[in-house]
Amino acid sequence: MEAEKKQLIKISDKLYEASKHIRILRNVSWSSTVREEFLASKGENLPVVSYPKVDVAPAHKYIAEVRKLIPSDFRFANWANAIADTLSNSAEMLTHLGKPEFYTYSQKLYGTPKNLLPDGKSTSLDLASFFEEIYDNISLLNLPHIDEKYDAVAIHDRMVVAVEDMFGPDAPAIIIDDEVSSKVIAGRRRIRIRSNAFFSDMDIDQLIHHEAYIHVATSINGHAQDKLKILSASHPGTTKTQEGLAVFAEFITGHLDLDRLRRLSDRIIAVQMAVDGADFIEVFRFYKEKTDNDANAYENTRRVFRGGVLTGGAPFTKDIVYLDGLLNVHNFLRTMVGDARADVLPLLFSGKLDIEDMGEMIQFKKMGLLKDPLYLPPWIKDIRFLLTYLSYSSFLNSVKLDNMKDHYRKMVCDL
């Protein structure tokens, strides 16, 4: 047992060192001048983007060392090799910035809208299309428009209070930044807010539960894992679970509104458009139909094309993972509660991990290699509502709705 534990610690250390040389979002980011020039052209000229040359040789060196440390009979070989594969593909993706091959590796890391979900039948595109139909029906209700009236300073001030309450001395700095690639990006030490971004009142609570209580919390918890350092690294193998947890946090706290859900499903549709050959301008026009704000349409389009090919056919597919991850996390939580294993739920927040690795996390905990998370989101610390909701949700899943649907449609919808 002790030899196995030492082996795991060595492997984790090497994987962590490799991950330090792979910074995807930083290297696919665009400068603010690209936005200014594109909007000045009224959206008629393709953006002109350049990317840095990324030296990934150190990452490959550590990955090769990891492979040598994994004997064929090692019981955690699949776990270690899967992370090594992810880091290797990530490094290769960074060597092909702005080229068609970028998409080849993006598919391996994040999937595509038409990849099958765990049920073996549905796809992320199916899910997005289903939501689109729901939105079209709901739009008939003439719900009030939600204004984005809060600027970066207002978000900054609310965030400062939230993170100090949650993390105390471990609270990250809240910074307003001109060059942030998304509206908000969170890390262990800093939460950066794009200076020209505007937010609705619902956005504020979404960001606190999503960015601070999930992304920052798992970063701090992972950093505290001194024996399994790889759990402090954000890499594409953890993205689906991290974003799924973060969106579920919005949902279970009552802050996942229809506008937010539609933005997430629109991302999947936009990625598929680009996969099918739509260029930056065509996807920008797709988003312009959704909003009267050209800057927002640009930012949404940029997310799809960063790192990829602006003329279409080779996008960055990361943005499909939000709804896919939400589905995975929701079903995992529901299964654990249904099987009376709610005791394992805090392990999800032990660091940056893949939900598919929960079996290994349980074993690592038993071996004394995994520390309890320092910080948990409020809905896990007080788990009563979560358990109530998931128990009811599990029952609903067993109810056959066809007859009930017919009954209520005859009562109301057919009139």
Protein backbone atom coordinates (compact mmCIF):
# COMPACT_ATOMS: atom_id res chain seq x y z
CA MET A 1 0.00 0.00 0.00
CA GLU A 2 2.74 2.48 0.93
CA ALA A 3 4.61 1.81 -2.32
CA GLU A 4 1.41 2.37 -4.28
CA LYS A 5 0.75 5.64 -2.46
CA LYS A 6 4.26 6.89 -3.20
CA GLN A 7 3.79 5.95 -6.85
CA LEU A 8 0.52 7.88 -7.04
CA ILE A 9 2.12 10.96 -5.48
CA LYS A 10 5.00 10.84 -8.00
CA ILE A 11 2.59 10.47 -10.93
CA SER A 12 0.40 13.29 -9.66
CA ASP A 13 3.43 15.56 -9.21
CA LYS A 14 4.58 14.95 -12.79
CA LEU A 15 1.09 15.49 -14.21
CA TYR A 16 0.86 18.74 -12.28
CA GLU A 17 4.21 19.93 -13.65
CA ALA A 18 3.04 19.13 -17.18
CA SER A 19 -0.21 21.05 -16.64
CA LYS A 20 1.70 24.21 -15.64
CA HIS A 21 2.97 24.50 -19.22
CA ILE A 22 -0.53 24.30 -20.76
CA ARG A 23 -2.57 27.50 -20.57
CA ILE A 24 -5.40 27.25 -23.08
CA LEU A 25 -7.68 30.21 -22.37
CA ARG A 26 -4.72 32.55 -21.97
CA ASN A 27 -3.28 31.56 -25.35
CA VAL A 28 -6.54 31.63 -27.33
CA SER A 29 -7.53 35.06 -26.04
CA TRP A 30 -7.92 38.06 -28.38
CA SER A 31 -6.86 41.60 -27.65
CA SER A 32 -9.46 44.34 -27.24
CA THR A 33 -8.22 46.00 -30.45
CA VAL A 34 -9.62 43.05 -32.45
CA ARG A 35 -13.08 43.82 -31.06
CA GLU A 36 -12.73 47.54 -31.73
CA GLU A 37 -11.66 47.01 -35.34
CA PHE A 38 -14.40 44.47 -36.05
CA LEU A 39 -17.16 46.64 -34.61
CA ALA A 40 -15.77 49.67 -36.44
CA SER A 41 -16.24 47.71 -39.69
CA LYS A 42 -19.94 47.25 -38.76
CA GLY A 43 -19.29 43.51 -38.66
CA GLU A 44 -18.45 43.33 -42.37
CA ASN A 45 -14.76 42.35 -42.18
CA LEU A 46 -13.39 39.18 -40.65
CA PRO A 47 -11.30 39.88 -37.53
CA VAL A 48 -7.54 39.80 -37.88
CA VAL A 49 -6.12 37.67 -35.07
CA SER A 50 -2.61 36.51 -34.25
CA TYR A 51 -1.60 33.89 -31.69
CA PRO A 52 1.62 33.33 -29.76
CA LYS A 53 3.94 30.44 -30.47
CA VAL A 54 3.52 28.19 -27.44
CA ASP A 55 6.43 26.06 -26.23
CA VAL A 56 4.84 22.80 -25.10
CA ALA A 57 8.06 20.77 -25.07
CA PRO A 58 8.27 20.87 -21.25
CA ALA A 59 4.72 19.52 -21.01
CA HIS A 60 5.55 16.62 -23.31
CA LYS A 61 8.70 15.92 -21.29
CA TYR A 62 6.75 15.51 -18.06
CA ILE A 63 4.03 13.48 -19.79
CA ALA A 64 6.68 11.07 -21.10
CA GLU A 65 8.03 10.72 -17.56
CA VAL A 66 4.53 9.95 -16.31
CA ARG A 67 4.13 7.15 -18.85
CA LYS A 68 7.30 5.52 -17.53
CA LEU A 69 5.94 5.63 -13.99
CA ILE A 70 2.76 3.69 -14.84
CA PRO A 71 3.28 -0.11 -14.78
CA SER A 72 0.79 -2.20 -16.70
CA ASP A 73 -0.60 -3.75 -13.51
CA PHE A 74 -1.03 -0.42 -11.71
CA ARG A 75 -4.66 -0.28 -10.53
CA PHE A 76 -4.89 3.46 -11.15
CA ALA A 77 -3.35 3.24 -14.62
CA ASN A 78 -6.56 4.25 -16.41
CA TRP A 79 -6.92 7.36 -14.25
CA ALA A 80 -3.31 8.45 -14.75
CA ASN A 81 -3.23 7.67 -18.47
CA ALA A 82 -6.50 9.52 -19.11
CA ILE A 83 -5.09 12.70 -17.57
CA ALA A 84 -1.81 12.25 -19.46
CA ASP A 85 -3.77 11.84 -22.71
CA THR A 86 -5.77 14.99 -21.98
CA LEU A 87 -2.63 17.02 -21.29
CA SER A 88 -0.94 15.67 -24.41
CA ASN A 89 -3.92 16.57 -26.61
CA SER A 90 -4.09 19.99 -24.95
CA ALA A 91 -0.45 20.63 -25.76
CA GLU A 92 -0.97 19.57 -29.36
CA MET A 93 -4.01 21.82 -29.68
CA LEU A 94 -1.88 24.79 -28.61
CA THR A 95 0.67 24.04 -31.33
CA HIS A 96 -2.05 24.45 -33.97
CA LEU A 97 -3.61 27.76 -32.96
CA GLY A 98 -5.46 29.33 -35.89
CA LYS A 99 -5.18 26.15 -37.99
CA PRO A 100 -7.70 23.43 -38.95
CA GLU A 101 -5.85 20.91 -36.78
CA PHE A 102 -6.84 22.96 -33.74
CA TYR A 103 -10.38 21.61 -34.14
CA THR A 104 -9.10 18.02 -34.34
CA TYR A 105 -7.77 18.29 -30.80
CA SER A 106 -10.66 20.42 -29.56
CA GLN A 107 -12.99 17.55 -30.51
CA LYS A 108 -10.90 15.09 -28.52
CA LEU A 109 -10.88 17.34 -25.46
CA TYR A 110 -14.39 18.78 -25.38
CA GLY A 111 -16.38 16.81 -27.95
CA THR A 112 -18.76 18.21 -30.57
CA PRO A 113 -22.47 19.11 -30.51
CA LYS A 114 -23.31 15.83 -32.24
CA ASN A 115 -21.42 13.50 -29.90
CA LEU A 116 -23.68 11.12 -28.02
CA LEU A 117 -24.46 11.85 -24.40
CA PRO A 118 -24.16 9.09 -21.77
CA ASP A 119 -27.67 7.81 -22.56
CA GLY A 120 -26.27 6.62 -25.92
CA LYS A 121 -29.08 8.29 -27.89
CA SER A 122 -29.16 12.04 -27.35
CA THR A 123 -26.66 14.75 -28.26
CA SER A 124 -25.88 18.21 -26.95
CA LEU A 125 -27.38 19.58 -30.16
CA ASP A 126 -30.61 17.68 -29.43
CA LEU A 127 -30.70 19.25 -25.97
CA ALA A 128 -30.09 22.75 -27.36
CA SER A 129 -32.78 22.26 -30.04
CA PHE A 130 -35.25 21.04 -27.41
CA PHE A 131 -34.64 24.17 -25.35
CA GLU A 132 -35.03 26.36 -28.44
CA GLU A 133 -38.53 24.95 -28.98
CA ILE A 134 -39.39 25.59 -25.34
CA TYR A 135 -38.13 29.19 -25.58
CA ASP A 136 -40.24 29.78 -28.69
CA ASN A 137 -43.32 28.62 -26.83
CA ILE A 138 -42.50 30.65 -23.72
CA SER A 139 -41.87 33.75 -25.81
CA LEU A 140 -45.62 33.84 -26.46
CA LEU A 141 -46.04 34.75 -22.78
CA ASN A 142 -44.40 38.15 -23.39
CA LEU A 143 -42.16 37.91 -20.34
CA PRO A 144 -40.48 41.20 -19.34
CA HIS A 145 -37.07 41.96 -20.82
CA ILE A 146 -34.22 41.81 -18.32
CA ASP A 147 -31.94 44.83 -18.63
CA GLU A 148 -28.18 44.56 -18.28
CA LYS A 149 -27.87 47.73 -16.24
CA TYR A 150 -25.00 46.88 -13.88
CA ASP A 151 -21.44 47.69 -14.93
CA ALA A 152 -18.18 46.00 -13.92
CA VAL A 153 -17.79 48.25 -10.87
CA ALA A 154 -21.16 47.17 -9.47
CA ILE A 155 -20.28 43.49 -9.96
CA HIS A 156 -16.87 44.11 -8.39
CA ASP A 157 -18.41 45.53 -5.23
CA ARG A 158 -20.90 42.67 -4.80
CA MET A 159 -18.22 40.07 -5.51
CA VAL A 160 -15.87 41.50 -2.89
CA VAL A 161 -18.48 41.05 -0.18
CA ALA A 162 -19.43 37.54 -1.33
CA VAL A 163 -15.89 36.14 -1.50
CA GLU A 164 -14.85 37.66 1.82
CA ASP A 165 -17.90 36.12 3.48
CA MET A 166 -17.20 32.73 1.89
CA PHE A 167 -13.41 32.47 1.98
CA GLY A 168 -12.20 34.93 4.61
CA PRO A 169 -8.39 35.19 4.41
CA ASP A 170 -8.37 32.92 1.33
CA ALA A 171 -10.64 35.27 -0.63
CA PRO A 172 -9.39 36.04 -4.15
CA ALA A 173 -8.79 39.59 -5.31
CA ILE A 174 -11.54 41.02 -7.53
CA ILE A 175 -10.02 42.85 -10.50
CA ILE A 176 -11.53 44.84 -13.37
CA ASP A 177 -9.53 44.00 -16.50
CA ASP A 178 -9.66 45.32 -20.09
CA GLU A 179 -8.31 42.10 -21.62
CA VAL A 180 -10.44 39.37 -20.03
CA SER A 181 -11.62 36.92 -22.71
CA SER A 182 -14.99 36.25 -21.02
CA LYS A 183 -17.19 38.54 -18.98
CA VAL A 184 -15.74 37.01 -15.82
CA ILE A 185 -12.87 34.56 -15.28
CA ALA A 186 -12.17 33.06 -11.86
CA GLY A 187 -9.05 31.55 -10.38
CA ARG A 188 -7.71 30.79 -6.93
CA ARG A 189 -6.08 34.18 -6.46
CA ARG A 190 -8.14 36.45 -8.71
CA ILE A 191 -11.58 36.92 -10.21
CA ARG A 192 -11.27 39.17 -13.25
CA ILE A 193 -14.22 41.12 -14.65
CA ARG A 194 -14.10 42.53 -18.17
CA SER A 195 -14.22 46.30 -17.88
CA ASN A 196 -16.73 46.90 -20.69
CA ALA A 197 -19.17 44.16 -19.65
CA PHE A 198 -22.69 44.82 -18.37
CA PHE A 199 -24.84 42.52 -16.25
CA SER A 200 -28.45 42.00 -15.16
CA ASP A 201 -29.49 41.62 -11.53
CA MET A 202 -29.81 37.86 -12.06
CA ASP A 203 -26.28 37.76 -13.52
CA ILE A 204 -24.83 38.95 -10.22
CA ASP A 205 -26.10 35.99 -8.20
CA GLN A 206 -25.30 33.59 -11.05
CA LEU A 207 -21.68 34.76 -11.05
CA ILE A 208 -21.33 34.47 -7.29
CA HIS A 209 -22.63 30.90 -7.24
CA HIS A 210 -20.88 29.89 -10.49
CA GLU A 211 -17.51 31.62 -10.38
CA ALA A 212 -16.87 32.12 -6.67
CA TYR A 213 -18.64 29.27 -4.90
CA ILE A 214 -17.61 26.62 -7.48
CA HIS A 215 -14.58 27.65 -9.54
CA VAL A 216 -12.76 29.52 -6.78
CA ALA A 217 -13.74 26.99 -4.11
CA THR A 218 -12.50 23.99 -6.10
CA SER A 219 -9.30 25.89 -6.94
CA ILE A 220 -8.55 26.58 -3.28
CA ASN A 221 -9.55 23.05 -2.25
CA GLY A 222 -7.37 21.58 -4.99
CA HIS A 223 -4.41 23.75 -3.98
CA ALA A 224 -4.68 22.28 -0.48
CA GLN A 225 -4.24 18.73 -1.83
CA ASP A 226 -0.53 18.41 -1.09
CA LYS A 227 -0.37 14.71 -1.98
CA LEU A 228 -2.42 14.85 -5.21
CA LYS A 229 -1.28 18.14 -6.73
CA ILE A 230 -2.91 17.44 -10.09
CA LEU A 231 -6.24 18.24 -8.39
CA SER A 232 -5.20 21.89 -8.30
CA ALA A 233 -4.81 22.05 -12.10
CA SER A 234 -7.58 23.25 -14.40
CA HIS A 235 -7.23 21.23 -17.59
CA PRO A 236 -9.75 20.20 -20.28
CA GLY A 237 -10.34 16.85 -18.61
CA THR A 238 -12.01 18.67 -15.73
CA THR A 239 -13.89 21.32 -17.72
CA LYS A 240 -17.17 19.47 -18.29
CA THR A 241 -17.54 18.58 -14.61
CA GLN A 242 -16.44 22.01 -13.40
CA GLU A 243 -18.86 23.86 -15.67
CA GLY A 244 -21.60 21.31 -15.02
CA LEU A 245 -21.24 21.85 -11.26
CA ALA A 246 -21.20 25.60 -11.73
CA VAL A 247 -24.36 25.67 -13.85
CA PHE A 248 -26.06 23.23 -11.46
CA ALA A 249 -25.17 25.63 -8.65
CA GLU A 250 -27.03 28.37 -10.50
CA PHE A 251 -30.01 26.05 -10.94
CA ILE A 252 -30.29 24.63 -7.41
CA THR A 253 -30.04 28.12 -5.88
CA GLY A 254 -32.80 29.48 -8.13
CA HIS A 255 -30.56 31.69 -10.27
CA LEU A 256 -30.61 29.84 -13.61
CA ASP A 257 -33.11 31.91 -15.56
CA LEU A 258 -34.37 31.35 -19.11
CA ASP A 259 -32.08 34.01 -20.60
CA ARG A 260 -29.04 32.26 -19.14
CA LEU A 261 -30.23 28.83 -20.28
CA ARG A 262 -30.83 30.15 -23.77
CA ARG A 263 -27.33 31.65 -23.91
CA LEU A 264 -25.91 28.23 -23.07
CA SER A 265 -27.97 26.44 -25.72
CA ASP A 266 -27.21 29.15 -28.29
CA ARG A 267 -23.52 28.40 -27.78
CA ILE A 268 -24.08 24.81 -28.86
CA ILE A 269 -26.00 25.89 -31.94
CA ALA A 270 -23.32 28.47 -32.81
CA VAL A 271 -20.55 25.89 -32.47
CA GLN A 272 -22.43 23.53 -34.80
CA MET A 273 -22.89 26.35 -37.31
CA ALA A 274 -19.13 26.87 -37.32
CA VAL A 275 -18.48 23.12 -37.59
CA ASP A 276 -20.77 23.11 -40.65
CA GLY A 277 -18.73 25.90 -42.26
CA ALA A 278 -20.25 29.19 -41.08
CA ASP A 279 -17.62 31.90 -40.78
CA PHE A 280 -17.21 34.49 -38.03
CA ILE A 281 -19.48 37.03 -39.73
CA GLU A 282 -22.31 34.52 -40.23
CA VAL A 283 -22.23 33.45 -36.59
CA PHE A 284 -22.04 37.11 -35.54
CA ARG A 285 -25.24 37.75 -37.51
CA PHE A 286 -26.86 34.74 -35.81
CA TYR A 287 -26.13 36.37 -32.46
CA LYS A 288 -27.21 39.81 -33.66
CA GLU A 289 -30.69 38.39 -34.22
CA LYS A 290 -30.70 37.44 -30.53
CA THR A 291 -29.64 40.82 -29.19
CA ASP A 292 -29.56 44.46 -30.17
CA ASN A 293 -26.09 44.78 -28.63
CA ASP A 294 -23.30 44.37 -31.20
CA ALA A 295 -20.63 44.10 -28.50
CA ASN A 296 -22.43 41.14 -26.88
CA ALA A 297 -22.91 39.48 -30.28
CA TYR A 298 -19.19 39.89 -30.96
CA GLU A 299 -18.15 38.42 -27.61
CA ASN A 300 -20.43 35.41 -28.02
CA THR A 301 -19.04 34.80 -31.51
CA ARG A 302 -15.46 35.24 -30.36
CA ARG A 303 -15.93 32.42 -27.84
CA VAL A 304 -16.71 30.02 -30.72
CA PHE A 305 -13.79 31.02 -32.96
CA ARG A 306 -10.94 31.72 -30.50
CA GLY A 307 -8.03 29.51 -31.40
CA GLY A 308 -9.82 28.13 -34.46
CA VAL A 309 -10.35 29.10 -38.10
CA LEU A 310 -12.35 32.28 -38.69
CA THR A 311 -13.55 31.19 -42.12
CA GLY A 312 -15.42 28.25 -40.59
CA GLY A 313 -15.10 24.49 -40.23
CA ALA A 314 -12.74 24.42 -37.24
CA PRO A 315 -14.11 26.12 -34.08
CA PHE A 316 -13.23 25.90 -30.39
CA THR A 317 -15.81 23.46 -29.00
CA LYS A 318 -15.38 24.14 -25.27
CA ASP A 319 -18.72 25.94 -25.03
CA ILE A 320 -20.75 22.78 -25.60
CA VAL A 321 -19.76 21.40 -22.19
CA TYR A 322 -22.00 23.62 -20.05
CA LEU A 323 -25.30 21.86 -20.74
CA ASP A 324 -23.64 18.49 -21.26
CA GLY A 325 -21.88 18.91 -17.90
CA LEU A 326 -25.10 20.04 -16.22
CA LEU A 327 -26.81 16.85 -17.38
CA ASN A 328 -23.95 14.66 -16.11
CA VAL A 329 -23.76 16.38 -12.73
CA HIS A 330 -27.53 16.35 -12.23
CA ASN A 331 -27.78 12.65 -13.01
CA PHE A 332 -24.77 11.79 -10.83
CA LEU A 333 -26.21 13.66 -7.86
CA ARG A 334 -29.62 12.09 -8.38
CA THR A 335 -28.11 8.60 -8.55
CA MET A 336 -26.02 9.08 -5.42
CA VAL A 337 -29.02 10.27 -3.43
CA GLY A 338 -31.19 7.45 -4.79
CA ASP A 339 -28.53 4.92 -3.77
CA ALA A 340 -28.05 6.47 -0.31
CA ARG A 341 -24.50 7.62 -1.13
CA ALA A 342 -24.91 11.33 -0.48
CA ASP A 343 -21.82 10.96 1.74
CA VAL A 344 -19.60 11.09 -1.36
CA LEU A 345 -20.96 14.42 -2.64
CA PRO A 346 -18.40 16.64 -0.84
CA LEU A 347 -15.62 14.79 -2.69
CA LEU A 348 -16.82 16.47 -5.90
CA PHE A 349 -15.41 19.71 -4.51
CA SER A 350 -12.01 18.34 -3.44
CA GLY A 351 -10.32 19.99 -6.41
CA LYS A 352 -10.38 20.11 -10.19
CA LEU A 353 -11.57 16.65 -11.16
CA ASP A 354 -13.68 14.72 -13.64
CA ILE A 355 -16.93 13.22 -12.35
CA GLU A 356 -15.86 10.00 -14.10
CA ASP A 357 -13.00 9.80 -11.56
CA MET A 358 -15.21 9.66 -8.49
CA GLY A 359 -14.45 5.97 -8.00
CA GLU A 360 -10.75 6.80 -7.77
CA MET A 361 -11.45 9.77 -5.49
CA ILE A 362 -13.25 7.49 -3.02
CA GLN A 363 -10.28 5.13 -3.04
CA PHE A 364 -7.80 7.99 -2.65
CA LYS A 365 -9.79 9.19 0.35
CA LYS A 366 -9.63 5.73 1.95
CA MET A 367 -5.87 5.66 1.31
CA GLY A 368 -5.39 8.95 3.15
CA LEU A 369 -4.28 10.80 0.01
CA LEU A 370 -7.31 13.07 -0.38
CA LYS A 371 -8.14 15.82 2.09
CA ASP A 372 -11.66 16.96 2.82
CA PRO A 373 -12.52 20.15 0.91
CA LEU A 374 -11.92 23.36 2.84
CA TYR A 375 -14.84 25.17 1.24
CA LEU A 376 -18.23 23.90 0.09
CA PRO A 377 -21.02 25.86 -1.62
CA PRO A 378 -23.97 26.70 0.64
CA TRP A 379 -26.26 24.14 -1.01
CA ILE A 380 -23.84 21.34 -0.06
CA LYS A 381 -23.02 22.62 3.43
CA ASP A 382 -26.75 22.59 4.18
CA ILE A 383 -27.82 19.69 2.03
CA ARG A 384 -31.47 19.44 3.09
CA PHE A 385 -33.03 21.19 0.12
CA LEU A 386 -30.76 19.39 -2.34
CA LEU A 387 -31.75 16.01 -0.92
CA THR A 388 -35.44 16.92 -1.05
CA TYR A 389 -35.23 18.12 -4.63
CA LEU A 390 -33.17 15.15 -5.87
CA SER A 391 -35.41 12.63 -4.12
CA TYR A 392 -38.47 14.14 -5.75
CA SER A 393 -36.65 14.38 -9.08
CA SER A 394 -35.76 10.68 -8.89
CA PHE A 395 -39.41 9.79 -8.36
CA LEU A 396 -40.55 11.99 -11.25
CA ASN A 397 -38.14 10.15 -13.51
CA SER A 398 -40.05 6.93 -12.86
CA VAL A 399 -43.46 8.44 -13.65
CA LYS A 400 -44.89 7.65 -17.10
CA LEU A 401 -46.05 10.99 -18.46
CA ASP A 402 -47.81 10.06 -21.71
CA ASN A 403 -51.28 9.53 -20.22
CA MET A 404 -50.91 12.54 -17.92
CA LYS A 405 -49.84 14.74 -20.84
CA ASP A 406 -52.88 13.67 -22.87
CA HIS A 407 -55.15 14.38 -19.91
CA TYR A 408 -53.87 17.92 -19.31
CA ARG A 409 -53.65 18.79 -23.00
CA LYS A 410 -57.31 17.90 -23.46
CA MET A 411 -58.13 19.97 -20.41
CA VAL A 412 -56.24 23.13 -21.46
CA CYS A 413 -54.14 23.09 -24.60
CA ASP A 414 -56.80 21.84 -27.00
CA LEU A 415 -59.26 24.62 -26.09
